[in-house]
Amino acid sequence: MRRRGLLISAAALTALSPLRDAQAGAQVEEPLADAVRSALSSAVANSAPPKPRFNQVEERLAYLRWLGEMSERLKKRLSEAQTRIEFLETVWYESRRAGLEPSLVLGLIQVESGFRKYAISVAGARGYMQVMPFWARVIGDGNASHLFHMQTNLRFGCVILRHYLDREKGDLFLALGRYNGSRGKAEYPNLVFGARKRWLMPGEA
């Protein structure tokens, strides 16, 4: 379900900024088996900064081409070069770590928050990937304010989407609906699929 959201500023998280569109990202809190909770907790625990490693020169060159292309496309949304590169490096690392396409994750972020680090919805979802605060309690350290940290937010978002994708046996349409709290409805998955096209490299489908 689409919802209207509010943004909070980086300087003061309690100060409301002007109304803008933001997806709620209102995942529904559901009971987790102990094994699943443990696996998810482990998946989000390592907060080391992303350090891509490549076995072949061709892989590194492909990554650098991707980084340059995505940086150019993202300029209007993230104007500061260092912030933009760090964001893209982290998206690439966390999406690959979770077995997701970077283009899918970028499309989801575009729909969820419009690439606003401090976006917060009326449902309480936070950050780039609009992660619900209950996840910090269920599989994190309990401090929901950490969800505004770039890598933490992207780590949680990718791990949660991977969890939903596994639950739906690889059905991305249903997994995206579950991520948004609108499982079975077409609006949100179609928005993400449409946004994903913007972040494909030439030749990708």
Protein backbone atom coordinates (compact mmCIF):
# COMPACT_ATOMS: atom_id res chain seq x y z
CA MET A 1 0.00 0.00 0.00
CA ARG A 2 1.34 3.45 -0.89
CA ARG A 3 1.39 5.93 1.95
CA ARG A 4 2.36 9.54 2.34
CA GLY A 5 5.59 10.02 4.23
CA LEU A 6 7.54 12.63 6.11
CA LEU A 7 11.25 13.34 5.95
CA ILE A 8 13.44 14.23 8.86
CA SER A 9 16.63 16.23 8.50
CA ALA A 10 20.11 14.92 9.06
CA ALA A 11 20.87 17.68 11.52
CA ALA A 12 17.90 17.00 13.76
CA LEU A 13 16.00 13.79 13.33
CA THR A 14 13.09 15.14 15.29
CA ALA A 15 12.54 18.13 13.01
CA LEU A 16 10.04 17.45 10.24
CA SER A 17 10.87 18.59 6.71
CA PRO A 18 8.29 19.37 3.98
CA LEU A 19 5.86 16.65 2.93
CA ARG A 20 7.07 14.46 0.09
CA ASP A 21 6.18 11.04 -1.29
CA ALA A 22 7.76 8.11 0.53
CA GLN A 23 6.71 4.50 0.51
CA ALA A 24 5.82 3.11 3.91
CA GLY A 25 7.88 -0.03 3.54
CA ALA A 26 5.54 -1.38 6.20
CA GLN A 27 6.70 -4.95 6.54
CA VAL A 28 4.42 -6.87 8.87
CA GLU A 29 6.05 -8.23 12.01
CA GLU A 30 5.61 -11.99 11.99
CA PRO A 31 6.82 -14.71 14.35
CA LEU A 32 10.19 -16.11 13.32
CA ALA A 33 11.49 -19.58 14.05
CA ASP A 34 14.56 -19.51 16.27
CA ALA A 35 16.74 -20.82 13.44
CA VAL A 36 15.49 -18.12 11.07
CA ARG A 37 15.94 -15.38 13.66
CA SER A 38 19.47 -16.59 14.35
CA ALA A 39 20.33 -16.71 10.66
CA LEU A 40 18.99 -13.22 10.05
CA SER A 41 20.77 -11.84 13.11
CA SER A 42 24.00 -13.33 11.87
CA ALA A 43 23.40 -11.91 8.39
CA VAL A 44 23.16 -8.33 9.68
CA ALA A 45 25.81 -8.56 12.41
CA ASN A 46 29.02 -7.85 10.50
CA SER A 47 29.19 -4.09 9.98
CA ALA A 48 32.64 -4.01 8.35
CA PRO A 49 32.79 -1.57 5.41
CA PRO A 50 32.42 -3.13 1.97
CA LYS A 51 35.69 -4.14 0.36
CA PRO A 52 35.06 -5.65 -3.06
CA ARG A 53 37.49 -8.32 -4.11
CA PHE A 54 37.91 -9.62 -7.63
CA ASN A 55 39.58 -12.77 -8.87
CA GLN A 56 39.92 -11.49 -12.40
CA VAL A 57 40.77 -8.16 -13.98
CA GLU A 58 37.64 -8.37 -16.15
CA GLU A 59 35.44 -8.54 -13.04
CA ARG A 60 37.07 -5.45 -11.57
CA LEU A 61 36.74 -3.54 -14.84
CA ALA A 62 33.05 -4.48 -15.08
CA TYR A 63 32.53 -3.23 -11.53
CA LEU A 64 34.29 0.06 -12.27
CA ARG A 65 32.17 0.53 -15.41
CA TRP A 66 29.04 -0.10 -13.35
CA LEU A 67 30.19 2.34 -10.67
CA GLY A 68 30.91 5.08 -13.21
CA GLU A 69 27.63 4.58 -15.06
CA MET A 70 25.47 4.50 -11.93
CA SER A 71 27.27 7.51 -10.46
CA GLU A 72 26.44 9.55 -13.54
CA ARG A 73 22.78 8.51 -13.41
CA LEU A 74 22.52 9.29 -9.70
CA LYS A 75 24.09 12.77 -9.83
CA LYS A 76 20.80 14.65 -9.70
CA ARG A 77 19.67 12.76 -6.61
CA LEU A 78 22.98 12.61 -4.71
CA SER A 79 25.03 15.59 -5.81
CA GLU A 80 28.05 15.16 -3.50
CA ALA A 81 30.52 12.91 -5.30
CA GLN A 82 32.06 11.09 -2.32
CA THR A 83 28.66 10.40 -0.75
CA ARG A 84 27.37 9.11 -4.07
CA ILE A 85 30.32 6.75 -4.61
CA GLU A 86 30.21 5.42 -1.05
CA PHE A 87 26.47 4.83 -1.41
CA LEU A 88 26.88 2.95 -4.70
CA GLU A 89 29.81 0.89 -3.41
CA THR A 90 27.66 -0.15 -0.45
CA VAL A 91 24.61 -0.92 -2.60
CA TRP A 92 26.73 -3.12 -4.83
CA TYR A 93 28.35 -4.89 -1.88
CA GLU A 94 25.18 -5.46 0.14
CA SER A 95 23.03 -6.51 -2.80
CA ARG A 96 25.64 -8.99 -4.03
CA ARG A 97 26.15 -10.25 -0.48
CA ALA A 98 22.41 -11.00 -0.26
CA GLY A 99 22.24 -12.55 -3.72
CA LEU A 100 20.22 -9.67 -5.20
CA GLU A 101 20.65 -7.60 -8.36
CA PRO A 102 22.04 -4.12 -7.66
CA SER A 103 19.56 -2.76 -10.22
CA LEU A 104 16.67 -4.26 -8.24
CA VAL A 105 17.92 -2.75 -4.98
CA LEU A 106 18.40 0.66 -6.61
CA GLY A 107 14.90 0.46 -8.05
CA LEU A 108 13.47 -0.41 -4.65
CA ILE A 109 15.32 2.51 -3.02
CA GLN A 110 14.03 4.87 -5.71
CA VAL A 111 10.44 3.82 -4.99
CA GLU A 112 10.77 3.58 -1.22
CA SER A 113 12.65 6.78 -0.33
CA GLY A 114 13.72 8.58 -3.48
CA PHE A 115 17.34 8.09 -2.29
CA ARG A 116 16.73 10.12 0.88
CA LYS A 117 18.88 8.85 3.72
CA TYR A 118 16.68 10.26 6.46
CA ALA A 119 13.27 9.48 4.96
CA ILE A 120 10.74 8.30 7.50
CA SER A 121 7.19 7.23 6.69
CA VAL A 122 4.03 7.66 8.70
CA ALA A 123 4.29 3.93 9.43
CA GLY A 124 7.74 4.56 10.98
CA ALA A 125 9.83 2.94 8.24
CA ARG A 126 13.29 4.49 8.04
CA GLY A 127 16.06 5.36 5.67
CA TYR A 128 16.93 4.52 2.10
CA MET A 129 15.18 1.13 2.11
CA GLN A 130 12.42 2.14 4.55
CA VAL A 131 13.17 -0.52 7.15
CA MET A 132 10.61 -0.90 9.91
CA PRO A 133 12.01 -0.30 13.44
CA PHE A 134 10.85 -3.67 14.77
CA TRP A 135 13.62 -5.31 12.75
CA ALA A 136 16.23 -3.59 14.94
CA ARG A 137 14.66 -5.31 17.94
CA VAL A 138 14.07 -8.68 16.27
CA ILE A 139 17.43 -9.24 14.57
CA GLY A 140 19.58 -6.20 15.45
CA ASP A 141 20.91 -4.48 18.53
CA GLY A 142 17.57 -2.92 19.42
CA ASN A 143 18.58 0.63 18.51
CA ALA A 144 16.27 1.74 15.69
CA SER A 145 18.21 5.00 15.21
CA HIS A 146 21.00 2.90 13.67
CA LEU A 147 18.68 2.30 10.72
CA PHE A 148 19.62 5.78 9.48
CA HIS A 149 23.25 4.67 9.11
CA MET A 150 23.82 4.03 5.42
CA GLN A 151 25.40 0.59 5.52
CA THR A 152 23.17 -0.60 8.34
CA ASN A 153 20.05 0.42 6.45
CA LEU A 154 21.20 -1.17 3.20
CA ARG A 155 22.33 -4.31 5.05
CA PHE A 156 18.96 -4.71 6.80
CA GLY A 157 16.97 -3.92 3.66
CA CYS A 158 18.83 -6.43 1.51
CA VAL A 159 18.76 -9.15 4.17
CA ILE A 160 15.02 -8.62 4.72
CA LEU A 161 14.24 -8.72 0.99
CA ARG A 162 16.33 -11.89 0.65
CA HIS A 163 14.40 -13.40 3.58
CA TYR A 164 11.08 -12.61 1.92
CA LEU A 165 12.32 -13.93 -1.42
CA ASP A 166 13.29 -17.21 0.24
CA ARG A 167 9.91 -17.38 2.00
CA GLU A 168 8.17 -16.91 -1.34
CA LYS A 169 10.35 -19.59 -2.98
CA GLY A 170 11.94 -17.14 -5.40
CA ASP A 171 8.76 -15.32 -6.42
CA LEU A 172 9.97 -11.73 -6.60
CA PHE A 173 6.49 -10.30 -7.17
CA LEU A 174 5.23 -11.76 -3.88
CA ALA A 175 8.48 -10.98 -2.03
CA LEU A 176 8.28 -7.31 -2.99
CA GLY A 177 4.66 -7.20 -1.90
CA ARG A 178 5.61 -8.69 1.45
CA TYR A 179 8.43 -6.16 1.78
CA ASN A 180 5.93 -3.34 1.32
CA GLY A 181 3.15 -4.91 3.38
CA SER A 182 0.92 -5.28 0.31
CA ARG A 183 1.47 -8.93 -0.64
CA GLY A 184 -0.59 -10.02 -3.63
CA LYS A 185 -1.28 -6.50 -4.91
CA ALA A 186 0.37 -5.41 -8.14
CA GLU A 187 0.96 -1.67 -7.59
CA TYR A 188 4.11 -1.79 -5.51
CA PRO A 189 5.97 -4.62 -7.31
CA ASN A 190 5.19 -2.98 -10.64
CA LEU A 191 6.60 0.33 -9.39
CA VAL A 192 9.83 -1.40 -8.35
CA PHE A 193 10.09 -3.38 -11.59
CA GLY A 194 9.62 -0.16 -13.53
CA ALA A 195 12.22 1.71 -11.48
CA ARG A 196 14.68 -1.18 -11.83
CA LYS A 197 14.88 -0.57 -15.58
CA ARG A 198 16.46 2.83 -14.91
CA TRP A 199 19.42 1.15 -13.18
CA LEU A 200 20.22 -1.61 -15.68
CA MET A 201 23.52 -1.51 -17.50
CA PRO A 202 23.38 -1.37 -21.32
CA GLY A 203 22.58 -4.84 -22.64
CA GLU A 204 20.95 -6.05 -19.43
CA ALA A 205 17.29 -7.04 -19.39
